[in-house]
C-alpha atoms as a PDB file:
ATOM      1  CA  MET A   1     -21.531  -3.283 -12.702  1.00  0.00           C
ATOM      2  CA  GLU A   2     -23.475  -3.578  -9.527  1.00  0.00           C
ATOM      3  CA  GLY A   3     -22.435  -6.452  -7.295  1.00  0.00           C
ATOM      4  CA  GLU A   4     -19.028  -6.943  -8.906  1.00  0.00           C
ATOM      5  CA  ALA A   5     -16.075  -6.572  -6.584  1.00  0.00           C
ATOM      6  CA  THR A   6     -13.026  -4.676  -7.793  1.00  0.00           C
ATOM      7  CA  SER A   7      -9.663  -5.994  -6.722  1.00  0.00           C
ATOM      8  CA  VAL A   8      -7.380  -3.570  -4.936  1.00  0.00           C
ATOM      9  CA  LEU A   9      -3.865  -2.985  -6.217  1.00  0.00           C
ATOM     10  CA  ARG A  10      -1.254  -2.517  -3.502  1.00  0.00           C
ATOM     11  CA  LEU A  11       2.476  -1.898  -3.706  1.00  0.00           C
ATOM     12  CA  HIS A  12       4.024  -3.053  -0.458  1.00  0.00           C
ATOM     13  CA  ASP A  13       7.097  -1.647   1.228  1.00  0.00           C
ATOM     14  CA  GLU A  14       9.339  -3.013   3.957  1.00  0.00           C
ATOM     15  CA  GLN A  15       6.780  -2.132   6.643  1.00  0.00           C
ATOM     16  CA  THR A  16       3.661  -3.459   4.893  1.00  0.00           C
ATOM     17  CA  ASP A  17       5.152  -6.602   3.317  1.00  0.00           C
ATOM     18  CA  PRO A  18       2.637  -9.400   3.996  1.00  0.00           C
ATOM     19  CA  TYR A  19       5.451 -11.993   3.875  1.00  0.00           C
ATOM     20  CA  ARG A  20       7.414 -10.485   6.767  1.00  0.00           C
ATOM     21  CA  PHE A  21       7.891 -12.969   9.617  1.00  0.00           C
ATOM     22  CA  PRO A  22      10.117 -13.275  12.701  1.00  0.00           C
ATOM     23  CA  GLY A  23      13.586 -14.034  11.371  1.00  0.00           C
ATOM     24  CA  TYR A  24      12.656 -13.070   7.781  1.00  0.00           C
ATOM     25  CA  ASP A  25      12.539  -9.432   6.657  1.00  0.00           C
ATOM     26  CA  GLY A  26      10.013 -10.201   3.934  1.00  0.00           C
ATOM     27  CA  PHE A  27      10.077 -10.651   0.190  1.00  0.00           C
ATOM     28  CA  VAL A  28       9.965  -6.945  -0.694  1.00  0.00           C
ATOM     29  CA  SER A  29      13.141  -6.057   1.188  1.00  0.00           C
ATOM     30  CA  GLN A  30      14.988  -9.055  -0.271  1.00  0.00           C
ATOM     31  CA  ILE A  31      14.608  -8.104  -3.928  1.00  0.00           C
ATOM     32  CA  PHE A  32      16.667  -5.267  -5.382  1.00  0.00           C
ATOM     33  CA  CYS A  33      13.720  -3.306  -6.776  1.00  0.00           C
ATOM     34  CA  GLY A  34      11.822  -3.548  -3.483  1.00  0.00           C
ATOM     35  CA  ARG A  35      14.449  -2.081  -1.190  1.00  0.00           C
ATOM     36  CA  THR A  36      13.811   1.330   0.290  1.00  0.00           C
ATOM     37  CA  ARG A  37      16.518   3.858  -0.540  1.00  0.00           C
ATOM     38  CA  PRO A  38      16.873   7.254   1.138  1.00  0.00           C
ATOM     39  CA  GLY A  39      15.700   9.823  -1.393  1.00  0.00           C
ATOM     40  CA  GLY A  40      14.490   7.096  -3.748  1.00  0.00           C
ATOM     41  CA  ALA A  41      11.305   7.369  -5.759  1.00  0.00           C
ATOM     42  CA  SER A  42       8.198   5.443  -4.767  1.00  0.00           C
ATOM     43  CA  ALA A  43       7.394   2.170  -6.515  1.00  0.00           C
ATOM     44  CA  ALA A  44       4.421   3.788  -8.261  1.00  0.00           C
ATOM     45  CA  VAL A  45       6.715   6.425  -9.788  1.00  0.00           C
ATOM     46  CA  VAL A  46       9.407   3.929 -10.784  1.00  0.00           C
ATOM     47  CA  LEU A  47       6.841   1.537 -12.277  1.00  0.00           C
ATOM     48  CA  ALA A  48       4.662   4.223 -13.914  1.00  0.00           C
ATOM     49  CA  ASP A  49       5.322   3.081 -17.506  1.00  0.00           C
ATOM     50  CA  GLU A  50       4.479  -0.518 -16.651  1.00  0.00           C
ATOM     51  CA  LEU A  51       1.351   0.529 -14.750  1.00  0.00           C
ATOM     52  CA  VAL A  52       0.113   2.612 -17.707  1.00  0.00           C
ATOM     53  CA  PHE A  53       0.697  -0.356 -20.046  1.00  0.00           C
ATOM     54  CA  LEU A  54      -1.111  -2.758 -17.716  1.00  0.00           C
ATOM     55  CA  SER A  55      -3.929  -0.229 -17.306  1.00  0.00           C
ATOM     56  CA  ARG A  56      -4.637  -0.431 -21.034  1.00  0.00           C
ATOM     57  CA  ILE A  57      -4.818  -4.220 -20.870  1.00  0.00           C
ATOM     58  CA  ALA A  58      -6.974  -4.286 -17.727  1.00  0.00           C
ATOM     59  CA  GLY A  59      -9.243  -1.392 -18.665  1.00  0.00           C
ATOM     60  CA  ARG A  60      -8.434   0.350 -15.387  1.00  0.00           C
ATOM     61  CA  ASP A  61      -6.337   3.335 -14.328  1.00  0.00           C
ATOM     62  CA  LEU A  62      -3.931   1.494 -12.051  1.00  0.00           C
ATOM     63  CA  LEU A  63      -1.657   4.489 -11.528  1.00  0.00           C
ATOM     64  CA  THR A  64      -4.539   6.565 -10.166  1.00  0.00           C
ATOM     65  CA  GLU A  65      -5.631   3.657  -7.975  1.00  0.00           C
ATOM     66  CA  ILE A  66      -2.176   3.496  -6.405  1.00  0.00           C
ATOM     67  CA  ILE A  67      -1.578   7.241  -6.118  1.00  0.00           C
ATOM     68  CA  PRO A  68      -4.862   8.645  -4.773  1.00  0.00           C
ATOM     69  CA  ALA A  69      -5.846  12.255  -5.309  1.00  0.00           C
ATOM     70  CA  PRO A  70      -4.782  14.584  -2.499  1.00  0.00           C
ATOM     71  CA  ALA A  71      -7.331  15.037   0.259  1.00  0.00           C
ATOM     72  CA  PRO A  72      -9.252  18.313   0.076  1.00  0.00           C
ATOM     73  CA  ILE A  73      -8.106  21.065   2.400  1.00  0.00           C
ATOM     74  CA  ARG A  74     -10.560  21.486   5.280  1.00  0.00           C
ATOM     75  CA  THR A  75     -11.494  24.757   6.946  1.00  0.00           C
ATOM     76  CA  ASP A  76     -14.009  25.637   9.656  1.00  0.00           C
ATOM     77  CA  GLU A  77     -16.543  26.126   6.840  1.00  0.00           C
ATOM     78  CA  GLY A  78     -15.903  22.650   5.378  1.00  0.00           C
ATOM     79  CA  PRO A  79     -13.758  21.238   2.582  1.00  0.00           C
ATOM     80  CA  VAL A  80     -12.182  23.589   0.051  1.00  0.00           C
ATOM     81  CA  GLN A  81     -11.893  22.417  -3.546  1.00  0.00           C
ATOM     82  CA  THR A  82      -8.305  22.454  -4.813  1.00  0.00           C
END
């Protein structure tokens, strides 16, 4: 509907944690499921089942909102559809 704002869903990591302060590494890095692991899957991948379930409740496609479509490949002639 026109004029209605849509909230934005964000999954924070250690670098983007809004609760990171001097002397405190932030909430995300303190909880087991929020810690970054070398070679680990992204939060969106790990939480995919939950996001699909919540999408049905909310009437939104939360997984697509978190994992945007790849950017089109650009050439000198302009964008190329992939």
